[in-house]
Amino acid sequence: MKELKLITPIGLLGYSYARDNFERALEGGADLIGVDAGSTDPGPYYLGSGTSFTHRGAVKDDLRWMLLAGRRLNAPVVVGSCGSAGGEPHLQWVREIAEEIAGEENLHFRMALVHAEQPKDYLKRKLSEGKVQALRPAGPLEEDTIGRSCRIVGVMGVEPYIEAFRHGAEVVLAGRSDDAAVFASYPVYRGYPPELAWTAGKLLECGGACAVPRHKFGHTGLLVTLTDDSLLAEPLHPMQQCTPESLASFFLHENENPNVHIEPSGVLDLSGCRFEALSQRVGRISGMRWRPSERYTVKLEAVELAGYRCITIGGTRDPILIRCIDDYLEMVRSQTVERAQAMGIDTATFKMVFRVYGKNAVMGRWEPRRDTQAHELGIIVEVVAETQELANELLALARIRFKNGFFEGKLCDEGTIAFPYAPSDIAVGPVYRFTMWHVVEPADPLEMFPIEYVEL
């Protein structure tokens, strides 16, 4: 079969890449230019709020050079998990950017929009049919959970992309997507073995993360070339290398078992893989296998509104307070709760959290080193409540006690907490939490992902 060249300029759209490295890689041609644009790593807020954790200017700059290259080379351009979370507002946000670029650069192409947000009635029906299962460690999905969720997306496999290619799409903007499917879809569409396609997708989804030295040159991209029975991986940055060790170790990334990668339509088995150095910079991978699944499943991601947050940030270098900081903060908590109860506020409706940087703030109760030798501490006081107004009020009650509370051995009448910002209380806004870690079994791989075509 003809060699197939897949290029990604960056591990995530909007992280910015060196254009000269990208253009140099394109000199050898490209059959697909793709990029992953999303992740659950930043937490549930972005899915719930309908906003992106990458910013518009950087996304537009990254996408501009991809679209220009794609039209110049007549290669499809694919973006998966648009807008970071892949819901409907995220997809429309990237669509607007793409249309803006097309107008500015006088580009003409057929664009497919693959929608990933899921109707609640559809999922309730699937639940009643016994077609929804939990992923460990989640429990069974309840209908009430579906109702409470404010946004639900399905994580698509390669099939919606392939359908878009079949209908002549030159640019594909997709909602929430399996990261590897963004790239695996085109080789599968072109008839390459799925084991090669999915392995290529696994490498490309993170840009140049499979190359060494990692991150020394910032965020970089990757070129993967598929042959009949193997694939070649080459970093876009000229000072990086894809070595057998760097390629093999990459498959430890974000996976419970580096040899077994479960996808919607099957399992990628890397237990028999061979990693070789083709040259100083290029690595070769072969020997992977693919096992089709008996049941096609789609992972669900969903969030619900958990409340509204207000925070204040303070710091202290009082050595006496530092020695008793845990007891002091518990006193702040108890006095705040007591005052709130006296004001008629239901204390079961809010949550108060202290994050003490310099003492267990990162690991919390899992921190093995319980004591601190720090001479100063940074402390975040956080309240989450049913409304922003209530969160603000409770945070103000806590902040007064946090600033001026008494502790044994205190040597002044005023506070020993310094606040770096005025106003000291910062209303953060809505807070979301994940509600689903489940898979649904559709009757057809395409039924959850309607495709809209736009001529630009």
Protein backbone atom coordinates (compact mmCIF):
# COMPACT_ATOMS: atom_id res chain seq x y z
CA MET A 1 0.00 0.00 0.00
CA LYS A 2 1.02 3.60 -0.52
CA GLU A 3 2.69 5.18 2.47
CA LEU A 4 0.26 7.36 4.43
CA LYS A 5 1.56 10.47 6.21
CA LEU A 6 -0.30 11.84 9.23
CA ILE A 7 0.85 15.08 10.86
CA THR A 8 -0.11 16.91 14.03
CA PRO A 9 1.63 20.21 14.79
CA ILE A 10 0.82 20.17 18.52
CA GLY A 11 -0.57 17.95 21.25
CA LEU A 12 -3.53 20.25 21.88
CA LEU A 13 -5.07 22.99 19.76
CA GLY A 14 -4.38 26.38 21.32
CA TYR A 15 -1.10 25.45 23.00
CA SER A 16 0.83 27.16 20.16
CA TYR A 17 3.51 25.56 17.99
CA ALA A 18 6.55 26.60 15.98
CA ARG A 19 5.32 27.21 12.46
CA ASP A 20 8.73 26.65 10.86
CA ASN A 21 8.89 23.06 12.19
CA PHE A 22 5.38 22.41 10.92
CA GLU A 23 6.11 23.80 7.47
CA ARG A 24 9.38 21.85 7.24
CA ALA A 25 7.51 18.60 7.93
CA LEU A 26 4.93 19.44 5.26
CA GLU A 27 7.63 19.61 2.58
CA GLY A 28 7.43 15.82 2.34
CA GLY A 29 3.67 15.96 1.87
CA ALA A 30 0.79 15.06 4.18
CA ASP A 31 -2.32 12.92 3.75
CA LEU A 32 -3.99 14.16 6.95
CA ILE A 33 -3.41 17.12 9.26
CA GLY A 34 -5.08 16.60 12.61
CA VAL A 35 -5.13 17.83 16.17
CA ASP A 36 -6.74 16.91 19.45
CA ALA A 37 -8.44 19.88 21.10
CA GLY A 38 -9.82 18.55 24.36
CA SER A 39 -9.44 16.69 27.61
CA THR A 40 -11.13 16.09 30.96
CA ASP A 41 -7.82 16.92 32.68
CA PRO A 42 -8.86 20.51 33.57
CA GLY A 43 -11.93 19.21 35.39
CA PRO A 44 -15.70 19.41 34.90
CA TYR A 45 -16.08 23.19 34.77
CA TYR A 46 -15.50 23.59 31.04
CA LEU A 47 -18.05 20.99 30.03
CA GLY A 48 -20.63 22.47 32.38
CA SER A 49 -20.01 26.11 31.51
CA GLY A 50 -19.76 25.57 27.77
CA THR A 51 -16.41 27.38 27.64
CA SER A 52 -12.89 26.42 26.56
CA PHE A 53 -9.77 26.25 28.71
CA THR A 54 -7.72 27.32 25.69
CA HIS A 55 -8.12 30.90 24.53
CA ARG A 56 -9.52 32.13 21.26
CA GLY A 57 -6.50 33.96 19.90
CA ALA A 58 -4.17 30.98 20.31
CA VAL A 59 -6.76 28.53 18.93
CA LYS A 60 -7.33 30.72 15.89
CA ASP A 61 -3.61 31.09 15.22
CA ASP A 62 -2.99 27.34 15.51
CA LEU A 63 -5.97 26.46 13.31
CA ARG A 64 -5.18 29.08 10.67
CA TRP A 65 -1.89 27.46 9.60
CA MET A 66 -3.47 24.00 9.63
CA LEU A 67 -6.31 25.09 7.33
CA LEU A 68 -3.94 26.89 4.98
CA ALA A 69 -1.70 23.82 4.77
CA GLY A 70 -4.64 21.48 4.30
CA ARG A 71 -6.00 23.43 1.34
CA ARG A 72 -2.52 23.82 -0.17
CA LEU A 73 -1.84 20.07 0.00
CA ASN A 74 -5.44 18.97 -0.56
CA ALA A 75 -5.25 17.06 2.75
CA PRO A 76 -8.17 16.75 5.17
CA VAL A 77 -7.90 18.78 8.38
CA VAL A 78 -9.45 17.18 11.45
CA VAL A 79 -10.06 18.65 14.91
CA GLY A 80 -11.39 16.39 17.69
CA SER A 81 -13.00 17.38 20.99
CA CYS A 82 -13.53 20.94 19.83
CA GLY A 83 -13.43 23.69 22.42
CA SER A 84 -11.77 21.39 25.00
CA ALA A 85 -14.94 19.63 26.23
CA GLY A 86 -16.69 18.78 22.96
CA GLY A 87 -20.22 19.89 23.82
CA GLU A 88 -22.46 21.82 21.47
CA PRO A 89 -21.31 25.33 22.50
CA HIS A 90 -17.70 24.19 22.21
CA LEU A 91 -18.23 22.84 18.70
CA GLN A 92 -19.98 26.03 17.59
CA TRP A 93 -17.16 28.12 19.06
CA VAL A 94 -14.55 26.39 16.89
CA ARG A 95 -16.90 26.47 13.90
CA GLU A 96 -17.09 30.24 14.23
CA ILE A 97 -13.29 30.48 14.34
CA ALA A 98 -12.89 28.24 11.28
CA GLU A 99 -15.44 30.26 9.29
CA GLU A 100 -13.69 33.47 10.32
CA ILE A 101 -10.35 32.13 9.09
CA ALA A 102 -11.91 30.96 5.83
CA GLY A 103 -13.29 34.45 5.21
CA GLU A 104 -10.01 36.18 6.02
CA GLU A 105 -7.90 33.80 3.89
CA ASN A 106 -10.42 33.28 1.06
CA LEU A 107 -10.48 29.52 1.66
CA HIS A 108 -13.11 27.23 0.14
CA PHE A 109 -13.90 23.79 1.56
CA ARG A 110 -16.61 21.37 2.60
CA MET A 111 -16.77 21.19 6.38
CA ALA A 112 -18.37 18.49 8.50
CA LEU A 113 -19.58 19.27 12.02
CA VAL A 114 -19.93 16.12 14.13
CA HIS A 115 -22.20 16.72 17.13
CA ALA A 116 -21.51 14.81 20.36
CA GLU A 117 -23.94 16.23 22.93
CA GLN A 118 -26.52 13.64 23.97
CA PRO A 119 -30.29 14.11 24.50
CA LYS A 120 -31.45 13.02 27.96
CA ASP A 121 -34.48 11.18 26.58
CA TYR A 122 -32.21 9.02 24.40
CA LEU A 123 -30.06 8.03 27.39
CA LYS A 124 -33.08 7.35 29.59
CA ARG A 125 -34.40 5.01 26.91
CA LYS A 126 -31.04 3.25 26.64
CA LEU A 127 -30.93 2.92 30.41
CA SER A 128 -34.38 1.31 30.48
CA GLU A 129 -33.26 -1.12 27.76
CA GLY A 130 -30.26 -2.21 29.86
CA LYS A 131 -27.81 -0.70 27.37
CA VAL A 132 -25.85 1.43 29.88
CA GLN A 133 -23.11 -0.05 32.07
CA ALA A 134 -20.83 1.48 34.68
CA LEU A 135 -17.06 1.66 34.34
CA ARG A 136 -15.06 0.81 37.44
CA PRO A 137 -15.31 2.27 40.09
CA ALA A 138 -18.64 3.98 39.30
CA GLY A 139 -21.95 2.48 40.38
CA PRO A 140 -25.03 1.88 38.20
CA LEU A 141 -26.36 4.93 36.41
CA GLU A 142 -29.63 6.28 37.83
CA GLU A 143 -32.29 8.03 35.76
CA ASP A 144 -32.22 10.90 38.25
CA THR A 145 -28.52 11.40 37.48
CA ILE A 146 -29.34 11.84 33.81
CA GLY A 147 -31.98 14.40 34.73
CA ARG A 148 -29.62 16.38 37.01
CA SER A 149 -26.79 16.51 34.49
CA CYS A 150 -26.61 19.85 32.72
CA ARG A 151 -24.52 18.63 29.77
CA ILE A 152 -23.79 15.11 28.51
CA VAL A 153 -21.45 14.14 25.69
CA GLY A 154 -20.58 10.86 24.04
CA VAL A 155 -16.96 10.07 23.22
CA MET A 156 -16.99 9.14 19.54
CA GLY A 157 -14.83 6.55 17.80
CA VAL A 158 -13.60 6.52 14.20
CA GLU A 159 -16.96 5.85 12.54
CA PRO A 160 -18.35 9.44 12.46
CA TYR A 161 -15.08 10.72 10.99
CA ILE A 162 -15.14 8.00 8.33
CA GLU A 163 -18.72 8.91 7.45
CA ALA A 164 -17.65 12.54 7.03
CA PHE A 165 -14.76 11.53 4.75
CA ARG A 166 -17.14 9.41 2.67
CA HIS A 167 -19.29 12.50 2.10
CA GLY A 168 -16.38 14.58 0.86
CA ALA A 169 -15.51 16.52 4.01
CA GLU A 170 -12.25 18.40 3.63
CA VAL A 171 -12.39 19.80 7.18
CA VAL A 172 -13.92 17.87 10.07
CA LEU A 173 -14.74 19.61 13.35
CA ALA A 174 -15.87 17.05 15.91
CA GLY A 175 -17.37 17.25 19.36
CA ARG A 176 -16.07 15.06 22.19
CA SER A 177 -13.88 12.36 20.72
CA ASP A 178 -11.67 9.48 21.62
CA ASP A 179 -8.28 11.18 21.31
CA ALA A 180 -6.71 8.48 19.12
CA ALA A 181 -9.79 8.26 16.86
CA VAL A 182 -9.06 11.77 15.55
CA PHE A 183 -6.09 10.27 13.68
CA ALA A 184 -6.96 6.57 13.43
CA SER A 185 -10.09 7.32 11.42
CA TYR A 186 -8.36 8.33 8.18
CA PRO A 187 -6.09 5.26 7.86
CA VAL A 188 -9.06 2.99 8.58
CA TYR A 189 -11.05 4.88 5.93
CA ARG A 190 -8.20 4.35 3.47
CA GLY A 191 -8.12 0.60 4.17
CA TYR A 192 -5.11 0.30 6.47
CA PRO A 193 -5.18 -2.35 9.21
CA PRO A 194 -6.90 -1.03 12.36
CA GLU A 195 -3.95 -2.02 14.55
CA LEU A 196 -1.68 0.34 12.60
CA ALA A 197 -4.28 3.10 12.53
CA TRP A 198 -5.01 3.02 16.27
CA THR A 199 -1.32 2.83 17.21
CA ALA A 200 -0.67 5.87 15.03
CA GLY A 201 -3.58 7.64 16.71
CA LYS A 202 -2.22 6.88 20.16
CA LEU A 203 1.10 8.49 19.26
CA LEU A 204 -0.31 11.52 17.46
CA GLU A 205 -2.90 12.45 20.09
CA CYS A 206 -0.19 13.98 22.31
CA GLY A 207 1.91 15.64 19.61
CA GLY A 208 5.62 15.26 20.24
CA ALA A 209 5.26 13.75 23.73
CA CYS A 210 6.69 10.42 22.49
CA ALA A 211 9.97 12.12 21.51
CA VAL A 212 13.03 12.99 23.59
CA PRO A 213 14.11 15.23 25.12
CA ARG A 214 10.56 15.76 26.29
CA HIS A 215 9.31 19.35 26.58
CA LYS A 216 12.78 20.91 26.34
CA PHE A 217 11.71 22.71 23.17
CA GLY A 218 8.16 23.51 24.26
CA HIS A 219 5.07 21.92 22.76
CA THR A 220 5.97 20.14 19.53
CA GLY A 221 4.35 17.96 16.88
CA LEU A 222 4.77 14.56 15.26
CA LEU A 223 4.81 12.93 11.82
CA VAL A 224 3.67 9.31 11.61
CA THR A 225 4.05 7.37 8.35
CA LEU A 226 2.08 4.14 7.87
CA THR A 227 3.44 1.35 5.67
CA ASP A 228 1.96 -2.09 4.96
CA ASP A 229 2.94 -3.61 8.29
CA SER A 230 4.52 -0.94 10.48
CA LEU A 231 4.61 2.75 11.27
CA LEU A 232 7.41 5.29 11.48
CA ALA A 233 7.41 8.09 14.05
CA GLU A 234 9.42 11.28 13.57
CA PRO A 235 9.25 14.43 15.74
CA LEU A 236 8.73 17.75 13.96
CA HIS A 237 11.40 19.49 16.01
CA PRO A 238 14.82 18.83 14.43
CA MET A 239 16.53 18.46 17.83
CA GLN A 240 14.19 15.70 19.07
CA GLN A 241 14.32 11.93 18.53
CA CYS A 242 11.81 9.11 18.57
CA THR A 243 13.86 6.30 20.10
CA PRO A 244 12.68 2.75 20.84
CA GLU A 245 12.69 3.63 24.56
CA SER A 246 10.77 6.89 24.16
CA LEU A 247 8.13 5.24 21.95
CA ALA A 248 7.68 2.22 24.22
CA SER A 249 7.47 4.30 27.39
CA PHE A 250 4.87 6.60 25.83
CA PHE A 251 2.28 3.81 25.92
CA LEU A 252 2.35 4.00 29.72
CA HIS A 253 0.69 7.41 29.32
CA GLU A 254 -2.86 7.64 30.75
CA ASN A 255 -3.50 3.93 30.51
CA GLU A 256 -4.07 1.28 33.15
CA ASN A 257 -2.23 -1.35 31.11
CA PRO A 258 0.34 -0.21 28.51
CA ASN A 259 -0.26 -3.37 26.46
CA VAL A 260 -4.06 -3.21 26.30
CA HIS A 261 -5.89 -0.13 24.99
CA ILE A 262 -9.68 -0.40 24.94
CA GLU A 263 -11.46 1.57 22.23
CA PRO A 264 -15.16 1.81 21.23
CA SER A 265 -14.85 -0.80 18.47
CA GLY A 266 -12.12 -3.07 19.81
CA VAL A 267 -8.93 -3.59 21.74
CA LEU A 268 -5.44 -2.56 20.64
CA ASP A 269 -2.99 -5.19 21.87
CA LEU A 270 0.62 -3.99 22.06
CA SER A 271 2.02 -6.96 23.98
CA GLY A 272 3.87 -8.22 20.88
CA CYS A 273 5.14 -4.84 19.71
CA ARG A 274 8.65 -4.35 18.39
CA PHE A 275 10.31 -0.96 18.74
CA GLU A 276 13.33 -0.25 16.52
CA ALA A 277 15.52 2.70 15.60
CA LEU A 278 15.25 3.31 11.86
CA SER A 279 17.62 6.27 12.13
CA GLN A 280 18.86 8.66 14.80
CA ARG A 281 15.53 10.53 14.79
CA VAL A 282 12.99 8.03 13.43
CA GLY A 283 11.57 5.05 15.29
CA ARG A 284 9.70 2.07 13.83
CA ILE A 285 6.86 0.15 15.51
CA SER A 286 5.46 -3.20 14.34
CA GLY A 287 3.83 -6.32 15.76
CA MET A 288 0.68 -4.73 17.21
CA ARG A 289 -2.65 -6.57 17.02
CA TRP A 290 -6.32 -5.61 16.94
CA ARG A 291 -9.25 -7.54 18.46
CA PRO A 292 -12.73 -6.33 17.43
CA SER A 293 -15.23 -5.97 20.28
CA GLU A 294 -18.34 -8.09 20.48
CA ARG A 295 -20.30 -5.03 21.59
CA TYR A 296 -19.78 -1.46 20.35
CA THR A 297 -19.83 0.96 23.28
CA VAL A 298 -19.52 4.73 23.67
CA LYS A 299 -18.21 6.33 26.83
CA LEU A 300 -20.34 9.05 28.41
CA GLU A 301 -19.10 12.20 30.13
CA ALA A 302 -21.49 14.44 32.03
CA VAL A 303 -21.54 17.12 34.70
CA GLU A 304 -24.01 18.68 37.08
CA LEU A 305 -24.05 22.01 38.87
CA ALA A 306 -22.63 21.56 42.38
CA GLY A 307 -23.04 25.15 43.59
CA TYR A 308 -21.18 28.44 43.52
CA ARG A 309 -17.73 29.21 44.86
CA CYS A 310 -16.12 32.12 46.67
CA ILE A 311 -12.51 32.18 47.87
CA THR A 312 -10.03 34.32 49.74
CA ILE A 313 -6.25 33.97 49.73
CA GLY A 314 -4.09 34.78 52.75
CA GLY A 315 -0.60 34.17 54.00
CA THR A 316 1.17 34.06 57.33
CA ARG A 317 4.71 33.83 58.63
CA ASP A 318 3.78 33.97 62.31
CA PRO A 319 5.74 31.00 63.74
CA ILE A 320 3.30 30.50 66.60
CA LEU A 321 0.29 30.36 64.26
CA ILE A 322 2.13 28.03 61.86
CA ARG A 323 2.70 25.55 64.69
CA CYS A 324 -1.03 25.39 65.48
CA ILE A 325 -2.50 26.09 62.02
CA ASP A 326 -4.64 22.93 61.87
CA ASP A 327 -6.38 23.68 65.17
CA TYR A 328 -6.72 27.34 64.21
CA LEU A 329 -8.51 26.57 60.95
CA GLU A 330 -10.83 24.12 62.67
CA MET A 331 -11.71 26.93 65.06
CA VAL A 332 -12.43 29.19 62.06
CA ARG A 333 -14.67 26.48 60.62
CA SER A 334 -16.61 25.83 63.82
CA GLN A 335 -17.13 29.52 64.57
CA THR A 336 -18.32 30.18 61.00
CA VAL A 337 -20.77 27.28 61.15
CA GLU A 338 -22.02 28.45 64.55
CA ARG A 339 -22.59 31.98 63.27
CA ALA A 340 -24.30 30.74 60.11
CA GLN A 341 -26.67 28.61 62.19
CA ALA A 342 -27.48 31.63 64.34
CA MET A 343 -28.39 33.50 61.14
CA GLY A 344 -30.75 30.71 60.10
CA ILE A 345 -28.56 29.29 57.35
CA ASP A 346 -28.79 25.53 56.80
CA THR A 347 -25.18 24.41 57.30
CA ALA A 348 -25.82 21.21 55.31
CA THR A 349 -26.13 23.31 52.15
CA PHE A 350 -22.55 24.56 51.99
CA LYS A 351 -19.01 23.23 52.05
CA MET A 352 -15.90 24.92 53.45
CA VAL A 353 -12.39 23.91 52.39
CA PHE A 354 -8.96 25.11 53.54
CA ARG A 355 -5.92 24.59 51.31
CA VAL A 356 -2.69 25.24 53.23
CA TYR A 357 0.22 25.61 50.81
CA GLY A 358 3.38 24.64 52.61
CA LYS A 359 1.52 21.99 54.58
CA ASN A 360 -0.43 19.20 52.84
CA ALA A 361 -2.18 21.41 50.26
CA VAL A 362 -1.30 19.18 47.29
CA MET A 363 -1.78 15.68 48.75
CA GLY A 364 -4.26 16.55 51.49
CA ARG A 365 -5.09 13.61 53.76
CA TRP A 366 -2.84 11.33 51.65
CA GLU A 367 0.26 13.39 52.47
CA PRO A 368 2.76 11.14 54.33
CA ARG A 369 4.72 14.07 55.79
CA ARG A 370 2.22 15.62 58.16
CA ASP A 371 4.46 18.22 59.81
CA THR A 372 5.94 21.31 58.21
CA GLN A 373 9.19 23.19 58.63
CA ALA A 374 7.94 26.12 56.54
CA HIS A 375 8.53 29.63 57.80
CA GLU A 376 5.47 30.88 55.91
CA LEU A 377 2.19 29.40 54.68
CA GLY A 378 -0.21 30.34 51.91
CA ILE A 379 -3.84 29.56 52.71
CA ILE A 380 -6.90 29.48 50.45
CA VAL A 381 -10.28 29.55 52.17
CA GLU A 382 -13.06 28.29 49.92
CA VAL A 383 -16.83 28.12 50.34
CA VAL A 384 -19.22 26.38 47.94
CA ALA A 385 -22.91 27.07 48.47
CA GLU A 386 -26.24 26.87 46.64
CA THR A 387 -26.07 30.45 45.37
CA GLN A 388 -23.26 32.90 44.71
CA GLU A 389 -24.76 35.36 47.18
CA LEU A 390 -24.75 32.75 49.94
CA ALA A 391 -21.21 31.65 49.11
CA ASN A 392 -20.06 35.26 49.28
CA GLU A 393 -21.76 35.81 52.64
CA LEU A 394 -20.37 32.65 54.22
CA LEU A 395 -16.89 33.37 52.91
CA ALA A 396 -17.04 36.83 54.48
CA LEU A 397 -18.01 35.29 57.82
CA ALA A 398 -15.09 32.86 57.56
CA ARG A 399 -12.63 35.51 56.43
CA ILE A 400 -13.26 37.70 59.50
CA ARG A 401 -12.51 34.79 61.81
CA PHE A 402 -9.62 33.64 59.63
CA LYS A 403 -7.99 37.08 59.86
CA ASN A 404 -8.58 37.98 63.49
CA GLY A 405 -9.03 34.69 65.36
CA PHE A 406 -7.33 33.96 68.64
CA PHE A 407 -4.72 31.24 69.19
CA GLU A 408 -2.72 30.35 72.27
CA GLY A 409 0.45 32.45 72.44
CA LYS A 410 -0.78 35.17 70.06
CA LEU A 411 1.28 38.32 70.67
CA CYS A 412 -0.90 40.98 69.00
CA ASP A 413 -4.49 42.19 69.04
CA GLU A 414 -4.84 42.35 65.26
CA GLY A 415 -4.66 39.68 62.60
CA THR A 416 -1.62 37.68 61.61
CA ILE A 417 -2.89 36.89 58.11
CA ALA A 418 -1.85 39.04 55.15
CA PHE A 419 -4.11 39.34 52.07
CA PRO A 420 -2.42 39.95 48.70
CA TYR A 421 -5.58 41.15 46.92
CA ALA A 422 -8.23 43.79 47.45
CA PRO A 423 -11.04 42.97 47.35
CA SER A 424 -10.00 40.02 49.46
CA ASP A 425 -13.10 37.95 48.61
CA ILE A 426 -13.14 36.56 45.07
CA ALA A 427 -16.45 35.27 43.68
CA VAL A 428 -15.43 32.43 41.36
CA GLY A 429 -18.86 31.46 40.01
CA PRO A 430 -20.49 28.11 39.26
CA VAL A 431 -18.89 24.82 40.29
CA TYR A 432 -19.55 21.54 38.49
CA ARG A 433 -18.88 17.88 39.24
CA PHE A 434 -18.70 14.84 37.00
CA THR A 435 -21.75 12.56 37.14
CA MET A 436 -21.07 9.80 34.61
CA TRP A 437 -18.31 7.24 34.14
CA HIS A 438 -20.38 4.87 32.05
CA VAL A 439 -20.69 3.40 28.56
CA VAL A 440 -23.78 3.12 26.39
CA GLU A 441 -24.38 0.55 23.67
CA PRO A 442 -25.86 2.27 20.58
CA ALA A 443 -27.71 0.33 17.90
CA ASP A 444 -25.33 1.88 15.36
CA PRO A 445 -21.97 3.66 15.83
CA LEU A 446 -23.36 6.75 14.08
CA GLU A 447 -26.68 7.16 15.89
CA MET A 448 -25.24 9.26 18.73
CA PHE A 449 -23.25 11.59 16.46
CA PRO A 450 -25.28 13.47 13.83
CA ILE A 451 -23.22 15.15 11.12
CA GLU A 452 -23.91 18.56 9.59
CA TYR A 453 -22.22 19.66 6.35
CA VAL A 454 -21.34 23.26 5.55
CA GLU A 455 -19.98 24.64 2.27
CA LEU A 456 -17.54 27.50 2.73
